[in-house]
């Protein structure tokens, strides 16, 4: 299964409500056969622009990142589910590379013996 990262902006809420939304999101992934690797809070911030969603205008939101493995079909179902969730302002799924080669990581012209001691 490919590796993905879900970047989601939730509307500004108290901690228990935010935890419930994240729990719902992760449970949705697990029910569809995904493997969740990590969940990271990126903090609550002022949005770069006002977002109108579900008849409300939002100026602040909580930013979160979920790292997971899933099938492409699962990803499309997840996005459909999150678009209907009233607490989610902006869901985005990015496909992650499984691993970086040394050439991509270090500029491509690095010798192996440089890293040996």
PDB file of N, CA and C in Angstrom:
ATOM      1  N   UNK A   1       0.842  -1.183   0.000  1.00  0.00           N
ATOM      2  CA  UNK A   1       0.000   0.000   0.000  1.00  0.00           C
ATOM      3  C   UNK A   1       0.888   1.249   0.000  1.00  0.00           C
ATOM      4  N   UNK A   2       0.520   2.243  -0.773  1.00  0.00           N
ATOM      5  CA  UNK A   2       1.288   3.491  -0.796  1.00  0.00           C
ATOM      6  C   UNK A   2       1.163   4.264   0.518  1.00  0.00           C
ATOM      7  N   UNK A   3       2.120   5.132   0.747  1.00  0.00           N
ATOM      8  CA  UNK A   3       2.132   5.946   1.957  1.00  0.00           C
ATOM      9  C   UNK A   3       1.593   7.337   1.628  1.00  0.00           C
ATOM     10  N   UNK A   4       0.731   7.843   2.497  1.00  0.00           N
ATOM     11  CA  UNK A   4       0.109   9.146   2.303  1.00  0.00           C
ATOM     12  C   UNK A   4       0.242   9.980   3.563  1.00  0.00           C
ATOM     13  N   UNK A   5       0.050  11.287   3.386  1.00  0.00           N
ATOM     14  CA  UNK A   5      -0.026  12.197   4.522  1.00  0.00           C
ATOM     15  C   UNK A   5      -1.302  13.015   4.380  1.00  0.00           C
ATOM     16  N   UNK A   6      -2.137  12.964   5.396  1.00  0.00           N
ATOM     17  CA  UNK A   6      -3.356  13.754   5.438  1.00  0.00           C
ATOM     18  C   UNK A   6      -3.063  15.022   6.228  1.00  0.00           C
ATOM     19  N   UNK A   7      -3.185  16.156   5.577  1.00  0.00           N
ATOM     20  CA  UNK A   7      -3.048  17.450   6.245  1.00  0.00           C
ATOM     21  C   UNK A   7      -4.458  18.012   6.366  1.00  0.00           C
ATOM     22  N   UNK A   8      -4.878  18.268   7.572  1.00  0.00           N
ATOM     23  CA  UNK A   8      -6.261  18.680   7.789  1.00  0.00           C
ATOM     24  C   UNK A   8      -6.300  19.913   8.683  1.00  0.00           C
ATOM     25  N   UNK A   9      -7.205  20.827   8.334  1.00  0.00           N
ATOM     26  CA  UNK A   9      -7.458  21.999   9.168  1.00  0.00           C
ATOM     27  C   UNK A   9      -8.846  21.816   9.772  1.00  0.00           C
ATOM     28  N   UNK A  10      -8.899  21.818  11.095  1.00  0.00           N
ATOM     29  CA  UNK A  10     -10.171  21.685  11.815  1.00  0.00           C
ATOM     30  C   UNK A  10     -10.605  23.054  12.313  1.00  0.00           C
ATOM     31  N   UNK A  11     -11.910  23.243  12.447  1.00  0.00           N
ATOM     32  CA  UNK A  11     -12.377  24.516  12.988  1.00  0.00           C
ATOM     33  C   UNK A  11     -11.925  24.637  14.436  1.00  0.00           C
ATOM     34  N   UNK A  12     -11.791  25.860  14.910  1.00  0.00           N
ATOM     35  CA  UNK A  12     -11.323  26.114  16.268  1.00  0.00           C
ATOM     36  C   UNK A  12     -12.340  25.579  17.269  1.00  0.00           C
ATOM     37  N   UNK A  13     -11.881  24.643  18.114  1.00  0.00           N
ATOM     38  CA  UNK A  13     -12.746  24.012  19.115  1.00  0.00           C
ATOM     39  C   UNK A  13     -11.940  23.788  20.386  1.00  0.00           C
ATOM     40  N   UNK A  14     -12.643  23.414  21.448  1.00  0.00           N
ATOM     41  CA  UNK A  14     -11.976  23.028  22.688  1.00  0.00           C
ATOM     42  C   UNK A  14     -11.292  21.676  22.493  1.00  0.00           C
ATOM     43  N   UNK A  15     -10.371  21.355  23.381  1.00  0.00           N
ATOM     44  CA  UNK A  15      -9.583  20.133  23.244  1.00  0.00           C
ATOM     45  C   UNK A  15     -10.420  18.843  23.165  1.00  0.00           C
ATOM     46  N   UNK A  16     -11.448  18.629  23.991  1.00  0.00           N
ATOM     47  CA  UNK A  16     -12.226  17.386  23.888  1.00  0.00           C
ATOM     48  C   UNK A  16     -12.922  17.221  22.527  1.00  0.00           C
ATOM     49  N   UNK A  17     -13.458  18.312  21.995  1.00  0.00           N
ATOM     50  CA  UNK A  17     -14.118  18.236  20.695  1.00  0.00           C
ATOM     51  C   UNK A  17     -13.108  17.954  19.577  1.00  0.00           C
ATOM     52  N   UNK A  18     -11.940  18.579  19.669  1.00  0.00           N
ATOM     53  CA  UNK A  18     -10.889  18.334  18.680  1.00  0.00           C
ATOM     54  C   UNK A  18     -10.438  16.884  18.724  1.00  0.00           C
ATOM     55  N   UNK A  19     -10.277  16.342  19.932  1.00  0.00           N
ATOM     56  CA  UNK A  19      -9.874  14.939  20.082  1.00  0.00           C
ATOM     57  C   UNK A  19     -10.923  14.009  19.485  1.00  0.00           C
ATOM     58  N   UNK A  20     -12.204  14.342  19.660  1.00  0.00           N
ATOM     59  CA  UNK A  20     -13.271  13.511  19.104  1.00  0.00           C
ATOM     60  C   UNK A  20     -13.240  13.504  17.578  1.00  0.00           C
ATOM     61  N   UNK A  21     -12.971  14.660  16.970  1.00  0.00           N
ATOM     62  CA  UNK A  21     -12.889  14.734  15.502  1.00  0.00           C
ATOM     63  C   UNK A  21     -11.704  13.925  14.999  1.00  0.00           C
ATOM     64  N   UNK A  22     -10.558  14.055  15.660  1.00  0.00           N
ATOM     65  CA  UNK A  22      -9.383  13.284  15.250  1.00  0.00           C
ATOM     66  C   UNK A  22      -9.609  11.781  15.427  1.00  0.00           C
ATOM     67  N   UNK A  23     -10.260  11.410  16.510  1.00  0.00           N
ATOM     68  CA  UNK A  23     -10.571   9.997  16.741  1.00  0.00           C
ATOM     69  C   UNK A  23     -11.482   9.466  15.639  1.00  0.00           C
ATOM     70  N   UNK A  24     -12.490  10.258  15.274  1.00  0.00           N
ATOM     71  CA  UNK A  24     -13.391   9.876  14.175  1.00  0.00           C
ATOM     72  C   UNK A  24     -12.630   9.677  12.874  1.00  0.00           C
ATOM     73  N   UNK A  25     -11.702  10.588  12.589  1.00  0.00           N
ATOM     74  CA  UNK A  25     -10.934  10.529  11.349  1.00  0.00           C
ATOM     75  C   UNK A  25     -10.041   9.293  11.320  1.00  0.00           C
ATOM     76  N   UNK A  26      -9.334   9.027  12.412  1.00  0.00           N
ATOM     77  CA  UNK A  26      -8.446   7.869  12.468  1.00  0.00           C
ATOM     78  C   UNK A  26      -9.251   6.573  12.419  1.00  0.00           C
ATOM     79  N   UNK A  27     -10.379   6.526  13.119  1.00  0.00           N
ATOM     80  CA  UNK A  27     -11.227   5.325  13.076  1.00  0.00           C
ATOM     81  C   UNK A  27     -11.761   5.077  11.670  1.00  0.00           C
ATOM     82  N   UNK A  28     -12.076   6.135  10.939  1.00  0.00           N
ATOM     83  CA  UNK A  28     -12.520   5.994   9.549  1.00  0.00           C
ATOM     84  C   UNK A  28     -11.422   5.363   8.712  1.00  0.00           C
ATOM     85  N   UNK A  29     -10.203   5.791   8.913  1.00  0.00           N
ATOM     86  CA  UNK A  29      -9.069   5.197   8.194  1.00  0.00           C
ATOM     87  C   UNK A  29      -8.908   3.714   8.546  1.00  0.00           C
ATOM     88  N   UNK A  30      -8.939   3.405   9.827  1.00  0.00           N
ATOM     89  CA  UNK A  30      -8.739   2.026  10.263  1.00  0.00           C
ATOM     90  C   UNK A  30      -9.855   1.107   9.781  1.00  0.00           C
ATOM     91  N   UNK A  31     -11.094   1.588   9.780  1.00  0.00           N
ATOM     92  CA  UNK A  31     -12.223   0.785   9.296  1.00  0.00           C
ATOM     93  C   UNK A  31     -12.077   0.420   7.826  1.00  0.00           C
ATOM     94  N   UNK A  32     -11.385   1.274   7.074  1.00  0.00           N
ATOM     95  CA  UNK A  32     -11.215   1.038   5.639  1.00  0.00           C
ATOM     96  C   UNK A  32      -9.909   0.307   5.320  1.00  0.00           C
ATOM     97  N   UNK A  33      -9.227  -0.189   6.351  1.00  0.00           N
ATOM     98  CA  UNK A  33      -8.045  -1.005   6.138  1.00  0.00           C
ATOM     99  C   UNK A  33      -6.732  -0.261   6.073  1.00  0.00           C
ATOM    100  N   UNK A  34      -6.696   0.988   6.450  1.00  0.00           N
ATOM    101  CA  UNK A  34      -5.451   1.756   6.432  1.00  0.00           C
ATOM    102  C   UNK A  34      -4.631   1.458   7.686  1.00  0.00           C
ATOM    103  N   UNK A  35      -3.334   1.726   7.592  1.00  0.00           N
ATOM    104  CA  UNK A  35      -2.433   1.585   8.729  1.00  0.00           C
ATOM    105  C   UNK A  35      -1.924   2.991   9.063  1.00  0.00           C
ATOM    106  N   UNK A  36      -2.288   3.472  10.234  1.00  0.00           N
ATOM    107  CA  UNK A  36      -1.896   4.821  10.654  1.00  0.00           C
ATOM    108  C   UNK A  36      -0.538   4.741  11.348  1.00  0.00           C
ATOM    109  N   UNK A  37       0.413   5.516  10.843  1.00  0.00           N
ATOM    110  CA  UNK A  37       1.779   5.511  11.391  1.00  0.00           C
ATOM    111  C   UNK A  37       1.989   6.607  12.420  1.00  0.00           C
ATOM    112  N   UNK A  38       1.403   7.784  12.190  1.00  0.00           N
ATOM    113  CA  UNK A  38       1.643   8.895  13.113  1.00  0.00           C
ATOM    114  C   UNK A  38       0.520   9.926  13.004  1.00  0.00           C
ATOM    115  N   UNK A  39       0.295  10.609  14.119  1.00  0.00           N
ATOM    116  CA  UNK A  39      -0.645  11.731  14.177  1.00  0.00           C
ATOM    117  C   UNK A  39       0.096  12.868  14.861  1.00  0.00           C
ATOM    118  N   UNK A  40       0.130  14.023  14.201  1.00  0.00           N
ATOM    119  CA  UNK A  40       0.897  15.145  14.735  1.00  0.00           C
ATOM    120  C   UNK A  40       0.043  16.402  14.748  1.00  0.00           C
ATOM    121  N   UNK A  41       0.079  17.098  15.872  1.00  0.00           N
ATOM    122  CA  UNK A  41      -0.592  18.390  15.977  1.00  0.00           C
ATOM    123  C   UNK A  41       0.398  19.471  15.583  1.00  0.00           C
ATOM    124  N   UNK A  42      -0.004  20.325  14.657  1.00  0.00           N
ATOM    125  CA  UNK A  42       0.850  21.423  14.217  1.00  0.00           C
ATOM    126  C   UNK A  42       0.424  22.747  14.844  1.00  0.00           C
ATOM    127  N   UNK A  43      -0.541  22.679  15.750  1.00  0.00           N
ATOM    128  CA  UNK A  43      -0.954  23.860  16.500  1.00  0.00           C
ATOM    129  C   UNK A  43      -2.175  24.547  15.922  1.00  0.00           C
ATOM    130  N   UNK A  44      -2.685  25.474  16.703  1.00  0.00           N
ATOM    131  CA  UNK A  44      -3.829  26.284  16.268  1.00  0.00           C
ATOM    132  C   UNK A  44      -3.318  27.648  15.845  1.00  0.00           C
ATOM    133  N   UNK A  45      -3.795  28.111  14.701  1.00  0.00           N
ATOM    134  CA  UNK A  45      -3.319  29.393  14.159  1.00  0.00           C
ATOM    135  C   UNK A  45      -4.463  30.150  13.504  1.00  0.00           C
ATOM    136  N   UNK A  46      -4.154  31.383  13.204  1.00  0.00           N
ATOM    137  CA  UNK A  46      -5.057  32.193  12.397  1.00  0.00           C
ATOM    138  C   UNK A  46      -4.937  31.715  10.957  1.00  0.00           C
ATOM    139  N   UNK A  47      -6.055  31.555  10.287  1.00  0.00           N
ATOM    140  CA  UNK A  47      -6.042  31.102   8.896  1.00  0.00           C
ATOM    141  C   UNK A  47      -5.511  32.206   7.989  1.00  0.00           C
ATOM    142  N   UNK A  48      -4.835  31.859   6.895  1.00  0.00           N
ATOM    143  CA  UNK A  48      -4.307  32.891   6.005  1.00  0.00           C
ATOM    144  C   UNK A  48      -5.405  33.708   5.323  1.00  0.00           C
ATOM    145  N   UNK A  49      -6.588  33.133   5.227  1.00  0.00           N
ATOM    146  CA  UNK A  49      -7.752  33.836   4.695  1.00  0.00           C
ATOM    147  C   UNK A  49      -8.990  33.200   5.310  1.00  0.00           C
ATOM    148  N   UNK A  50     -10.095  33.916   5.297  1.00  0.00           N
ATOM    149  CA  UNK A  50     -11.331  33.390   5.876  1.00  0.00           C
ATOM    150  C   UNK A  50     -11.835  32.232   5.024  1.00  0.00           C
ATOM    151  N   UNK A  51     -12.260  31.156   5.686  1.00  0.00           N
ATOM    152  CA  UNK A  51     -12.801  29.989   4.998  1.00  0.00           C
ATOM    153  C   UNK A  51     -14.277  29.879   5.358  1.00  0.00           C
ATOM    154  N   UNK A  52     -15.126  29.860   4.334  1.00  0.00           N
ATOM    155  CA  UNK A  52     -16.559  29.652   4.547  1.00  0.00           C
ATOM    156  C   UNK A  52     -16.861  28.182   4.320  1.00  0.00           C
ATOM    157  N   UNK A  53     -17.372  27.533   5.344  1.00  0.00           N
ATOM    158  CA  UNK A  53     -17.681  26.111   5.249  1.00  0.00           C
ATOM    159  C   UNK A  53     -18.914  25.835   6.093  1.00  0.00           C
ATOM    160  N   UNK A  54     -19.893  25.156   5.529  1.00  0.00           N
ATOM    161  CA  UNK A  54     -21.124  24.792   6.221  1.00  0.00           C
ATOM    162  C   UNK A  54     -21.804  26.015   6.831  1.00  0.00           C
ATOM    163  N   UNK A  55     -21.927  27.078   6.036  1.00  0.00           N
ATOM    164  CA  UNK A  55     -22.621  28.312   6.404  1.00  0.00           C
ATOM    165  C   UNK A  55     -21.982  29.071   7.567  1.00  0.00           C
ATOM    166  N   UNK A  56     -20.690  28.893   7.795  1.00  0.00           N
ATOM    167  CA  UNK A  56     -19.963  29.636   8.821  1.00  0.00           C
ATOM    168  C   UNK A  56     -18.662  30.164   8.224  1.00  0.00           C
ATOM    169  N   UNK A  57     -18.232  31.325   8.712  1.00  0.00           N
ATOM    170  CA  UNK A  57     -16.940  31.878   8.279  1.00  0.00           C
ATOM    171  C   UNK A  57     -15.937  31.655   9.406  1.00  0.00           C
ATOM    172  N   UNK A  58     -14.804  31.070   9.058  1.00  0.00           N
ATOM    173  CA  UNK A  58     -13.798  30.708  10.061  1.00  0.00           C
ATOM    174  C   UNK A  58     -12.532  31.537   9.853  1.00  0.00           C
ATOM    175  N   UNK A  59     -11.952  32.006  10.967  1.00  0.00           N
ATOM    176  CA  UNK A  59     -10.708  32.779  10.911  1.00  0.00           C
ATOM    177  C   UNK A  59      -9.561  32.066  11.617  1.00  0.00           C
ATOM    178  N   UNK A  60      -9.860  31.085  12.454  1.00  0.00           N
ATOM    179  CA  UNK A  60      -8.843  30.314  13.174  1.00  0.00           C
ATOM    180  C   UNK A  60      -9.111  28.829  12.955  1.00  0.00           C
ATOM    181  N   UNK A  61      -8.043  28.029  13.037  1.00  0.00           N
ATOM    182  CA  UNK A  61      -8.206  26.596  12.880  1.00  0.00           C
ATOM    183  C   UNK A  61      -7.040  25.828  13.466  1.00  0.00           C
ATOM    184  N   UNK A  62      -7.283  24.558  13.707  1.00  0.00           N
ATOM    185  CA  UNK A  62      -6.247  23.658  14.212  1.00  0.00           C
ATOM    186  C   UNK A  62      -5.668  22.854  13.062  1.00  0.00           C
ATOM    187  N   UNK A  63      -4.354  22.826  12.967  1.00  0.00           N
ATOM    188  CA  UNK A  63      -3.661  22.127  11.887  1.00  0.00           C
ATOM    189  C   UNK A  63      -3.145  20.784  12.403  1.00  0.00           C
ATOM    190  N   UNK A  64      -3.425  19.712  11.648  1.00  0.00           N
ATOM    191  CA  UNK A  64      -3.005  18.366  12.043  1.00  0.00           C
ATOM    192  C   UNK A  64      -2.489  17.603  10.835  1.00  0.00           C
ATOM    193  N   UNK A  65      -1.592  16.650  11.106  1.00  0.00           N
ATOM    194  CA  UNK A  65      -1.020  15.811  10.058  1.00  0.00           C
ATOM    195  C   UNK A  65      -1.159  14.354  10.478  1.00  0.00           C
ATOM    196  N   UNK A  66      -1.638  13.503   9.557  1.00  0.00           N
ATOM    197  CA  UNK A  66      -1.777  12.067   9.810  1.00  0.00           C
ATOM    198  C   UNK A  66      -0.994  11.332   8.734  1.00  0.00           C
ATOM    199  N   UNK A  67      -0.031  10.523   9.149  1.00  0.00           N
ATOM    200  CA  UNK A  67       0.792   9.724   8.239  1.00  0.00           C
ATOM    201  C   UNK A  67       0.198   8.315   8.214  1.00  0.00           C
ATOM    202  N   UNK A  68      -0.116   7.792   7.011  1.00  0.00           N
ATOM    203  CA  UNK A  68      -0.763   6.483   6.937  1.00  0.00           C
ATOM    204  C   UNK A  68      -0.460   5.772   5.626  1.00  0.00           C
ATOM    205  N   UNK A  69      -0.685   4.458   5.625  1.00  0.00           N
ATOM    206  CA  UNK A  69      -0.605   3.625   4.429  1.00  0.00           C
ATOM    207  C   UNK A  69      -2.028   3.184   4.093  1.00  0.00           C
ATOM    208  N   UNK A  70      -2.415   3.299   2.824  1.00  0.00           N
ATOM    209  CA  UNK A  70      -3.762   2.897   2.415  1.00  0.00           C
ATOM    210  C   UNK A  70      -3.802   2.709   0.903  1.00  0.00           C
ATOM    211  N   UNK A  71      -4.857   2.062   0.449  1.00  0.00           N
ATOM    212  CA  UNK A  71      -5.058   1.904  -0.988  1.00  0.00           C
ATOM    213  C   UNK A  71      -5.603   3.210  -1.565  1.00  0.00           C
ATOM    214  N   UNK A  72      -5.396   3.458  -2.853  1.00  0.00           N
ATOM    215  CA  UNK A  72      -5.922   4.678  -3.471  1.00  0.00           C
ATOM    216  C   UNK A  72      -7.446   4.818  -3.337  1.00  0.00           C
ATOM    217  N   UNK A  73      -8.155   3.709  -3.386  1.00  0.00           N
ATOM    218  CA  UNK A  73      -9.613   3.752  -3.234  1.00  0.00           C
ATOM    219  C   UNK A  73      -9.995   4.262  -1.835  1.00  0.00           C
ATOM    220  N   UNK A  74      -9.246   3.830  -0.843  1.00  0.00           N
ATOM    221  CA  UNK A  74      -9.492   4.276   0.527  1.00  0.00           C
ATOM    222  C   UNK A  74      -9.298   5.780   0.658  1.00  0.00           C
ATOM    223  N   UNK A  75      -8.289   6.307  -0.026  1.00  0.00           N
ATOM    224  CA  UNK A  75      -8.005   7.737   0.043  1.00  0.00           C
ATOM    225  C   UNK A  75      -9.159   8.559  -0.526  1.00  0.00           C
ATOM    226  N   UNK A  76      -9.692   8.127  -1.667  1.00  0.00           N
ATOM    227  CA  UNK A  76     -10.815   8.866  -2.249  1.00  0.00           C
ATOM    228  C   UNK A  76     -12.054   8.790  -1.359  1.00  0.00           C
ATOM    229  N   UNK A  77     -12.296   7.634  -0.725  1.00  0.00           N
ATOM    230  CA  UNK A  77     -13.428   7.508   0.207  1.00  0.00           C
ATOM    231  C   UNK A  77     -13.224   8.399   1.430  1.00  0.00           C
ATOM    232  N   UNK A  78     -11.979   8.473   1.912  1.00  0.00           N
ATOM    233  CA  UNK A  78     -11.680   9.301   3.075  1.00  0.00           C
ATOM    234  C   UNK A  78     -11.935  10.777   2.768  1.00  0.00           C
ATOM    235  N   UNK A  79     -11.468  11.238   1.614  1.00  0.00           N
ATOM    236  CA  UNK A  79     -11.688  12.642   1.247  1.00  0.00           C
ATOM    237  C   UNK A  79     -13.173  12.961   1.126  1.00  0.00           C
ATOM    238  N   UNK A  80     -13.941  12.035   0.556  1.00  0.00           N
ATOM    239  CA  UNK A  80     -15.381  12.232   0.448  1.00  0.00           C
ATOM    240  C   UNK A  80     -16.008  12.342   1.837  1.00  0.00           C
ATOM    241  N   UNK A  81     -15.563  11.476   2.746  1.00  0.00           N
ATOM    242  CA  UNK A  81     -16.071  11.489   4.125  1.00  0.00           C
ATOM    243  C   UNK A  81     -15.707  12.806   4.827  1.00  0.00           C
ATOM    244  N   UNK A  82     -14.463  13.268   4.666  1.00  0.00           N
ATOM    245  CA  UNK A  82     -14.019  14.484   5.347  1.00  0.00           C
ATOM    246  C   UNK A  82     -14.676  15.738   4.787  1.00  0.00           C
ATOM    247  N   UNK A  83     -14.990  15.745   3.498  1.00  0.00           N
ATOM    248  CA  UNK A  83     -15.672  16.911   2.909  1.00  0.00           C
ATOM    249  C   UNK A  83     -17.057  17.104   3.525  1.00  0.00           C
ATOM    250  N   UNK A  84     -17.673  16.015   3.974  1.00  0.00           N
ATOM    251  CA  UNK A  84     -19.007  16.101   4.583  1.00  0.00           C
ATOM    252  C   UNK A  84     -18.967  16.353   6.088  1.00  0.00           C
ATOM    253  N   UNK A  85     -17.799  16.215   6.709  1.00  0.00           N
ATOM    254  CA  UNK A  85     -17.658  16.418   8.150  1.00  0.00           C
ATOM    255  C   UNK A  85     -17.730  17.922   8.453  1.00  0.00           C
ATOM    256  N   UNK A  86     -18.635  18.319   9.339  1.00  0.00           N
ATOM    257  CA  UNK A  86     -18.846  19.745   9.602  1.00  0.00           C
ATOM    258  C   UNK A  86     -17.709  20.380  10.401  1.00  0.00           C
ATOM    259  N   UNK A  87     -16.846  19.574  11.019  1.00  0.00           N
ATOM    260  CA  UNK A  87     -15.749  20.109  11.820  1.00  0.00           C
ATOM    261  C   UNK A  87     -14.452  20.255  11.024  1.00  0.00           C
ATOM    262  N   UNK A  88     -14.411  19.725   9.814  1.00  0.00           N
ATOM    263  CA  UNK A  88     -13.208  19.781   8.979  1.00  0.00           C
ATOM    264  C   UNK A  88     -13.336  20.938   7.995  1.00  0.00           C
ATOM    265  N   UNK A  89     -12.369  21.860   8.051  1.00  0.00           N
ATOM    266  CA  UNK A  89     -12.394  22.999   7.139  1.00  0.00           C
ATOM    267  C   UNK A  89     -11.702  22.682   5.812  1.00  0.00           C
ATOM    268  N   UNK A  90     -10.549  22.023   5.873  1.00  0.00           N
ATOM    269  CA  UNK A  90      -9.796  21.785   4.648  1.00  0.00           C
ATOM    270  C   UNK A  90      -8.988  20.489   4.749  1.00  0.00           C
ATOM    271  N   UNK A  91      -9.438  19.403   4.090  1.00  0.00           N
ATOM    272  CA  UNK A  91      -8.632  18.179   4.057  1.00  0.00           C
ATOM    273  C   UNK A  91      -7.772  18.131   2.788  1.00  0.00           C
ATOM    274  N   UNK A  92      -6.532  17.704   2.929  1.00  0.00           N
ATOM    275  CA  UNK A  92      -5.633  17.542   1.790  1.00  0.00           C
ATOM    276  C   UNK A  92      -4.830  16.264   1.990  1.00  0.00           C
ATOM    277  N   UNK A  93      -4.758  15.419   0.962  1.00  0.00           N
ATOM    278  CA  UNK A  93      -3.965  14.197   1.036  1.00  0.00           C
ATOM    279  C   UNK A  93      -2.813  14.301   0.052  1.00  0.00           C
ATOM    280  N   UNK A  94      -1.611  14.036   0.557  1.00  0.00           N
ATOM    281  CA  UNK A  94      -0.405  14.056  -0.263  1.00  0.00           C
ATOM    282  C   UNK A  94       0.203  12.660  -0.285  1.00  0.00           C
ATOM    283  N   UNK A  95       0.652  12.222  -1.443  1.00  0.00           N
ATOM    284  CA  UNK A  95       1.326  10.931  -1.545  1.00  0.00           C
ATOM    285  C   UNK A  95       2.789  11.150  -1.202  1.00  0.00           C
ATOM    286  N   UNK A  96       3.311  10.335  -0.290  1.00  0.00           N
ATOM    287  CA  UNK A  96       4.699  10.481   0.154  1.00  0.00           C
ATOM    288  C   UNK A  96       5.584   9.469  -0.552  1.00  0.00           C
ATOM    289  N   UNK A  97       6.831   9.855  -0.809  1.00  0.00           N
ATOM    290  CA  UNK A  97       7.803   8.909  -1.339  1.00  0.00           C
ATOM    291  C   UNK A  97       8.114   7.889  -0.259  1.00  0.00           C
ATOM    292  N   UNK A  98       8.321   6.636  -0.680  1.00  0.00           N
ATOM    293  CA  UNK A  98       8.605   5.601   0.307  1.00  0.00           C
ATOM    294  C   UNK A  98       9.985   5.785   0.914  1.00  0.00           C
ATOM    295  N   UNK A  99      10.954   6.141   0.084  1.00  0.00           N
ATOM    296  CA  UNK A  99      12.281   6.423   0.619  1.00  0.00           C
ATOM    297  C   UNK A  99      13.040   7.297  -0.366  1.00  0.00           C
ATOM    298  N   UNK A 100      13.957   8.076   0.137  1.00  0.00           N
ATOM    299  CA  UNK A 100      14.785   8.918  -0.713  1.00  0.00           C
ATOM    300  C   UNK A 100      16.110   8.217  -0.962  1.00  0.00           C
ATOM    301  N   UNK A 101      16.547   8.236  -2.198  1.00  0.00           N
ATOM    302  CA  UNK A 101      17.864   7.693  -2.478  1.00  0.00           C
ATOM    303  C   UNK A 101      18.908   8.674  -1.981  1.00  0.00           C
ATOM    304  N   UNK A 102      20.137   8.200  -1.856  1.00  0.00           N
ATOM    305  CA  UNK A 102      21.207   9.068  -1.375  1.00  0.00           C
ATOM    306  C   UNK A 102      21.456  10.201  -2.363  1.00  0.00           C
ATOM    307  N   UNK A 103      21.292   9.927  -3.659  1.00  0.00           N
ATOM    308  CA  UNK A 103      21.510  10.959  -4.666  1.00  0.00           C
ATOM    309  C   UNK A 103      20.477  12.077  -4.525  1.00  0.00           C
ATOM    310  N   UNK A 104      19.216  11.744  -4.274  1.00  0.00           N
ATOM    311  CA  UNK A 104      18.184  12.765  -4.089  1.00  0.00           C
ATOM    312  C   UNK A 104      18.430  13.556  -2.805  1.00  0.00           C
ATOM    313  N   UNK A 105      18.883  12.860  -1.790  1.00  0.00           N
ATOM    314  CA  UNK A 105      19.070  13.473  -0.484  1.00  0.00           C
ATOM    315  C   UNK A 105      20.263  14.427  -0.465  1.00  0.00           C
ATOM    316  N   UNK A 106      21.321  14.045  -1.123  1.00  0.00           N
ATOM    317  CA  UNK A 106      22.581  14.778  -0.955  1.00  0.00           C
ATOM    318  C   UNK A 106      23.034  15.533  -2.198  1.00  0.00           C
ATOM    319  N   UNK A 107      22.204  15.699  -3.176  1.00  0.00           N
ATOM    320  CA  UNK A 107      22.585  16.473  -4.342  1.00  0.00           C
ATOM    321  C   UNK A 107      23.097  15.670  -5.509  1.00  0.00           C
ATOM    322  N   UNK A 108      23.274  14.374  -5.389  1.00  0.00           N
ATOM    323  CA  UNK A 108      23.609  13.524  -6.522  1.00  0.00           C
ATOM    324  C   UNK A 108      25.076  13.334  -6.808  1.00  0.00           C
ATOM    325  N   UNK A 109      25.974  14.148  -6.276  1.00  0.00           N
ATOM    326  CA  UNK A 109      27.382  13.980  -6.602  1.00  0.00           C
ATOM    327  C   UNK A 109      28.222  13.727  -5.357  1.00  0.00           C
ATOM    328  N   UNK A 110      27.705  12.944  -4.436  1.00  0.00           N
ATOM    329  CA  UNK A 110      28.406  12.630  -3.207  1.00  0.00           C
ATOM    330  C   UNK A 110      28.925  11.195  -3.286  1.00  0.00           C
ATOM    331  N   UNK A 111      30.196  11.006  -2.895  1.00  0.00           N
ATOM    332  CA  UNK A 111      30.786   9.667  -2.928  1.00  0.00           C
ATOM    333  C   UNK A 111      30.416   8.919  -1.654  1.00  0.00           C
ATOM    334  N   UNK A 112      30.375   7.568  -1.746  1.00  0.00           N
ATOM    335  CA  UNK A 112      30.079   6.741  -0.577  1.00  0.00           C
ATOM    336  C   UNK A 112      31.161   6.835   0.484  1.00  0.00           C
ATOM    337  N   UNK A 113      32.425   6.943   0.074  1.00  0.00           N
ATOM    338  CA  UNK A 113      33.500   6.914   1.052  1.00  0.00           C
ATOM    339  C   UNK A 113      33.549   8.184   1.923  1.00  0.00           C
ATOM    340  N   UNK A 114      32.838   9.220   1.558  1.00  0.00           N
ATOM    341  CA  UNK A 114      32.778  10.426   2.386  1.00  0.00           C
ATOM    342  C   UNK A 114      32.079  10.147   3.712  1.00  0.00           C
ATOM    343  N   UNK A 115      31.114   9.213   3.705  1.00  0.00           N
ATOM    344  CA  UNK A 115      30.322   8.936   4.880  1.00  0.00           C
ATOM    345  C   UNK A 115      30.964   7.895   5.779  1.00  0.00           C
ATOM    346  N   UNK A 116      32.006   7.222   5.321  1.00  0.00           N
ATOM    347  CA  UNK A 116      32.680   6.205   6.138  1.00  0.00           C
ATOM    348  C   UNK A 116      33.746   6.870   6.984  1.00  0.00           C
ATOM    349  N   UNK A 117      33.959   6.314   8.153  1.00  0.00           N
ATOM    350  CA  UNK A 117      34.998   6.865   9.044  1.00  0.00           C
ATOM    351  C   UNK A 117      36.223   6.006   9.006  1.00  0.00           C
TER     352      UNK A 117
END
